[in-house]
Amino acid sequence: MAYYGGALPSLGVYVHNLPPVLLLHGDADSLMPVSRSQVLYKALVRHGKTVEMAIYPGVEHGFNVTGARYDLQADADAQKRTLMFLDKYLKFSEVGK
Protein backbone atom coordinates (compact mmCIF):
# COMPACT_ATOMS: atom_id res chain seq x y z
CA MET A 1 0.00 0.00 0.00
CA ALA A 2 1.41 3.38 -0.93
CA TYR A 3 -0.05 6.66 0.26
CA TYR A 4 1.45 9.39 -1.90
CA GLY A 5 4.32 7.13 -2.78
CA GLY A 6 5.15 5.22 -5.86
CA ALA A 7 7.93 3.48 -7.62
CA LEU A 8 11.54 4.26 -7.16
CA PRO A 9 13.34 3.68 -10.47
CA SER A 10 15.14 0.63 -9.06
CA LEU A 11 11.91 -1.07 -7.95
CA GLY A 12 11.09 -2.22 -11.48
CA VAL A 13 13.16 -5.38 -11.24
CA TYR A 14 11.17 -6.51 -8.18
CA VAL A 15 7.64 -5.85 -9.45
CA HIS A 16 7.00 -9.53 -10.11
CA ASN A 17 7.46 -10.27 -6.37
CA LEU A 18 5.00 -7.70 -5.03
CA PRO A 19 1.73 -8.65 -3.30
CA PRO A 20 -1.50 -6.78 -4.15
CA VAL A 21 -0.81 -3.04 -4.15
CA LEU A 22 -3.02 -0.03 -3.42
CA LEU A 23 -1.73 3.33 -4.69
CA LEU A 24 -3.26 6.57 -3.38
CA HIS A 25 -1.74 9.80 -4.67
CA GLY A 26 -2.60 13.46 -5.08
CA ASP A 27 -1.88 14.86 -8.53
CA ALA A 28 -0.60 18.12 -7.02
CA ASP A 29 2.03 16.32 -4.90
CA SER A 30 5.11 18.55 -4.80
CA LEU A 31 7.34 16.02 -2.99
CA MET A 32 6.69 12.80 -4.91
CA PRO A 33 5.51 13.18 -8.51
CA VAL A 34 2.27 11.35 -9.27
CA SER A 35 4.06 9.93 -12.30
CA ARG A 36 5.90 7.55 -9.95
CA SER A 37 2.63 5.94 -8.90
CA GLN A 38 1.51 5.83 -12.53
CA VAL A 39 4.75 4.10 -13.56
CA LEU A 40 4.37 1.52 -10.79
CA TYR A 41 0.72 0.96 -11.69
CA LYS A 42 1.60 0.30 -15.33
CA ALA A 43 4.46 -2.04 -14.39
CA LEU A 44 2.22 -4.04 -12.06
CA VAL A 45 -0.50 -4.34 -14.71
CA ARG A 46 2.10 -5.38 -17.29
CA HIS A 47 3.24 -8.17 -14.95
CA GLY A 48 -0.33 -9.31 -14.26
CA LYS A 49 -0.20 -8.21 -10.62
CA THR A 50 -3.18 -7.07 -8.56
CA VAL A 51 -3.19 -3.28 -8.25
CA GLU A 52 -5.72 -0.57 -7.45
CA MET A 53 -5.08 3.15 -7.74
CA ALA A 54 -6.83 6.41 -6.90
CA ILE A 55 -5.47 9.78 -7.94
CA TYR A 56 -6.90 12.80 -6.14
CA PRO A 57 -7.11 15.95 -8.32
CA GLY A 58 -5.53 19.05 -6.80
CA VAL A 59 -4.37 17.19 -3.69
CA GLU A 60 -0.89 17.59 -2.17
CA HIS A 61 1.54 15.18 -0.49
CA GLY A 62 0.49 14.22 3.05
CA PHE A 63 -3.21 14.71 2.35
CA ASN A 64 -4.24 12.54 5.30
CA VAL A 65 -2.00 14.19 7.89
CA THR A 66 -3.28 17.08 10.01
CA GLY A 67 -1.83 20.34 8.75
CA ALA A 68 -1.84 22.70 5.79
CA ARG A 69 -1.92 19.89 3.22
CA TYR A 70 -4.78 17.98 4.83
CA ASP A 71 -7.66 17.21 2.48
CA LEU A 72 -10.82 15.93 4.17
CA GLN A 73 -12.34 14.34 1.06
CA ALA A 74 -9.13 12.61 -0.04
CA ASP A 75 -8.50 11.38 3.50
CA ALA A 76 -12.02 9.97 3.84
CA ASP A 77 -11.83 8.26 0.45
CA ALA A 78 -8.33 6.90 1.13
CA GLN A 79 -9.44 5.46 4.48
CA LYS A 80 -12.45 3.80 2.87
CA ARG A 81 -10.35 2.37 0.04
CA THR A 82 -7.67 1.17 2.45
CA LEU A 83 -10.14 -0.72 4.64
CA MET A 84 -11.85 -2.26 1.61
CA PHE A 85 -8.48 -3.25 0.12
CA LEU A 86 -7.30 -4.85 3.36
CA ASP A 87 -10.59 -6.66 3.78
CA LYS A 88 -10.35 -7.97 0.23
CA TYR A 89 -6.70 -9.08 0.20
CA LEU A 90 -5.67 -9.60 3.82
CA LYS A 91 -7.73 -12.15 5.66
CA PHE A 92 -6.88 -13.35 9.16
CA SER A 93 -7.99 -16.72 10.45
CA GLU A 94 -10.08 -16.62 13.56
CA VAL A 95 -8.22 -17.89 16.60
CA GLY A 96 -9.65 -21.11 18.02
CA LYS A 97 -11.83 -21.82 15.01
C-alpha atoms as a PDB file:
ATOM      1  CA  MET A   1       0.000   0.000   0.000  1.00  0.00           C
ATOM      2  CA  ALA A   2       1.408   3.383  -0.928  1.00  0.00           C
ATOM      3  CA  TYR A   3      -0.048   6.660   0.262  1.00  0.00           C
ATOM      4  CA  TYR A   4       1.455   9.394  -1.901  1.00  0.00           C
ATOM      5  CA  GLY A   5       4.322   7.131  -2.782  1.00  0.00           C
ATOM      6  CA  GLY A   6       5.146   5.223  -5.863  1.00  0.00           C
ATOM      7  CA  ALA A   7       7.931   3.480  -7.622  1.00  0.00           C
ATOM      8  CA  LEU A   8      11.542   4.261  -7.164  1.00  0.00           C
ATOM      9  CA  PRO A   9      13.340   3.682 -10.472  1.00  0.00           C
ATOM     10  CA  SER A  10      15.145   0.632  -9.056  1.00  0.00           C
ATOM     11  CA  LEU A  11      11.908  -1.069  -7.951  1.00  0.00           C
ATOM     12  CA  GLY A  12      11.092  -2.215 -11.479  1.00  0.00           C
ATOM     13  CA  VAL A  13      13.161  -5.384 -11.240  1.00  0.00           C
ATOM     14  CA  TYR A  14      11.170  -6.511  -8.181  1.00  0.00           C
ATOM     15  CA  VAL A  15       7.643  -5.845  -9.446  1.00  0.00           C
ATOM     16  CA  HIS A  16       7.001  -9.533 -10.111  1.00  0.00           C
ATOM     17  CA  ASN A  17       7.461 -10.267  -6.370  1.00  0.00           C
ATOM     18  CA  LEU A  18       4.999  -7.701  -5.028  1.00  0.00           C
ATOM     19  CA  PRO A  19       1.731  -8.649  -3.299  1.00  0.00           C
ATOM     20  CA  PRO A  20      -1.498  -6.779  -4.152  1.00  0.00           C
ATOM     21  CA  VAL A  21      -0.809  -3.042  -4.146  1.00  0.00           C
ATOM     22  CA  LEU A  22      -3.018  -0.031  -3.421  1.00  0.00           C
ATOM     23  CA  LEU A  23      -1.727   3.330  -4.693  1.00  0.00           C
ATOM     24  CA  LEU A  24      -3.257   6.572  -3.376  1.00  0.00           C
ATOM     25  CA  HIS A  25      -1.745   9.796  -4.670  1.00  0.00           C
ATOM     26  CA  GLY A  26      -2.595  13.459  -5.082  1.00  0.00           C
ATOM     27  CA  ASP A  27      -1.883  14.856  -8.535  1.00  0.00           C
ATOM     28  CA  ALA A  28      -0.595  18.116  -7.021  1.00  0.00           C
ATOM     29  CA  ASP A  29       2.034  16.317  -4.898  1.00  0.00           C
ATOM     30  CA  SER A  30       5.113  18.547  -4.803  1.00  0.00           C
ATOM     31  CA  LEU A  31       7.339  16.019  -2.986  1.00  0.00           C
ATOM     32  CA  MET A  32       6.687  12.800  -4.913  1.00  0.00           C
ATOM     33  CA  PRO A  33       5.505  13.184  -8.506  1.00  0.00           C
ATOM     34  CA  VAL A  34       2.268  11.345  -9.274  1.00  0.00           C
ATOM     35  CA  SER A  35       4.064   9.933 -12.300  1.00  0.00           C
ATOM     36  CA  ARG A  36       5.904   7.554  -9.954  1.00  0.00           C
ATOM     37  CA  SER A  37       2.633   5.937  -8.903  1.00  0.00           C
ATOM     38  CA  GLN A  38       1.509   5.828 -12.528  1.00  0.00           C
ATOM     39  CA  VAL A  39       4.752   4.100 -13.555  1.00  0.00           C
ATOM     40  CA  LEU A  40       4.370   1.524 -10.795  1.00  0.00           C
ATOM     41  CA  TYR A  41       0.720   0.957 -11.693  1.00  0.00           C
ATOM     42  CA  LYS A  42       1.600   0.297 -15.330  1.00  0.00           C
ATOM     43  CA  ALA A  43       4.462  -2.038 -14.390  1.00  0.00           C
ATOM     44  CA  LEU A  44       2.215  -4.036 -12.062  1.00  0.00           C
ATOM     45  CA  VAL A  45      -0.504  -4.342 -14.706  1.00  0.00           C
ATOM     46  CA  ARG A  46       2.096  -5.382 -17.287  1.00  0.00           C
ATOM     47  CA  HIS A  47       3.240  -8.174 -14.949  1.00  0.00           C
ATOM     48  CA  GLY A  48      -0.327  -9.315 -14.257  1.00  0.00           C
ATOM     49  CA  LYS A  49      -0.199  -8.208 -10.623  1.00  0.00           C
ATOM     50  CA  THR A  50      -3.176  -7.068  -8.560  1.00  0.00           C
ATOM     51  CA  VAL A  51      -3.186  -3.285  -8.251  1.00  0.00           C
ATOM     52  CA  GLU A  52      -5.719  -0.573  -7.453  1.00  0.00           C
ATOM     53  CA  MET A  53      -5.082   3.153  -7.740  1.00  0.00           C
ATOM     54  CA  ALA A  54      -6.834   6.406  -6.900  1.00  0.00           C
ATOM     55  CA  ILE A  55      -5.471   9.778  -7.940  1.00  0.00           C
ATOM     56  CA  TYR A  56      -6.899  12.796  -6.144  1.00  0.00           C
ATOM     57  CA  PRO A  57      -7.112  15.952  -8.322  1.00  0.00           C
ATOM     58  CA  GLY A  58      -5.533  19.054  -6.803  1.00  0.00           C
ATOM     59  CA  VAL A  59      -4.373  17.189  -3.691  1.00  0.00           C
ATOM     60  CA  GLU A  60      -0.887  17.586  -2.167  1.00  0.00           C
ATOM     61  CA  HIS A  61       1.538  15.180  -0.490  1.00  0.00           C
ATOM     62  CA  GLY A  62       0.494  14.219   3.045  1.00  0.00           C
ATOM     63  CA  PHE A  63      -3.211  14.713   2.347  1.00  0.00           C
ATOM     64  CA  ASN A  64      -4.244  12.544   5.297  1.00  0.00           C
ATOM     65  CA  VAL A  65      -1.999  14.190   7.893  1.00  0.00           C
ATOM     66  CA  THR A  66      -3.278  17.083  10.005  1.00  0.00           C
ATOM     67  CA  GLY A  67      -1.830  20.341   8.749  1.00  0.00           C
ATOM     68  CA  ALA A  68      -1.837  22.701   5.791  1.00  0.00           C
ATOM     69  CA  ARG A  69      -1.924  19.888   3.216  1.00  0.00           C
ATOM     70  CA  TYR A  70      -4.782  17.977   4.835  1.00  0.00           C
ATOM     71  CA  ASP A  71      -7.665  17.209   2.482  1.00  0.00           C
ATOM     72  CA  LEU A  72     -10.823  15.931   4.172  1.00  0.00           C
ATOM     73  CA  GLN A  73     -12.341  14.337   1.057  1.00  0.00           C
ATOM     74  CA  ALA A  74      -9.128  12.614  -0.044  1.00  0.00           C
ATOM     75  CA  ASP A  75      -8.505  11.384   3.499  1.00  0.00           C
ATOM     76  CA  ALA A  76     -12.023   9.971   3.841  1.00  0.00           C
ATOM     77  CA  ASP A  77     -11.832   8.261   0.452  1.00  0.00           C
ATOM     78  CA  ALA A  78      -8.331   6.897   1.130  1.00  0.00           C
ATOM     79  CA  GLN A  79      -9.435   5.462   4.485  1.00  0.00           C
ATOM     80  CA  LYS A  80     -12.449   3.800   2.870  1.00  0.00           C
ATOM     81  CA  ARG A  81     -10.351   2.369   0.035  1.00  0.00           C
ATOM     82  CA  THR A  82      -7.674   1.169   2.454  1.00  0.00           C
ATOM     83  CA  LEU A  83     -10.144  -0.715   4.636  1.00  0.00           C
ATOM     84  CA  MET A  84     -11.852  -2.259   1.610  1.00  0.00           C
ATOM     85  CA  PHE A  85      -8.483  -3.252   0.117  1.00  0.00           C
ATOM     86  CA  LEU A  86      -7.295  -4.853   3.355  1.00  0.00           C
ATOM     87  CA  ASP A  87     -10.588  -6.665   3.779  1.00  0.00           C
ATOM     88  CA  LYS A  88     -10.354  -7.968   0.227  1.00  0.00           C
ATOM     89  CA  TYR A  89      -6.701  -9.076   0.199  1.00  0.00           C
ATOM     90  CA  LEU A  90      -5.667  -9.600   3.818  1.00  0.00           C
ATOM     91  CA  LYS A  91      -7.735 -12.150   5.659  1.00  0.00           C
ATOM     92  CA  PHE A  92      -6.877 -13.349   9.155  1.00  0.00           C
ATOM     93  CA  SER A  93      -7.986 -16.723  10.452  1.00  0.00           C
ATOM     94  CA  GLU A  94     -10.083 -16.617  13.557  1.00  0.00           C
ATOM     95  CA  VAL A  95      -8.223 -17.890  16.599  1.00  0.00           C
ATOM     96  CA  GLY A  96      -9.648 -21.113  18.019  1.00  0.00           C
ATOM     97  CA  LYS A  97     -11.828 -21.820  15.012  1.00  0.00           C
END
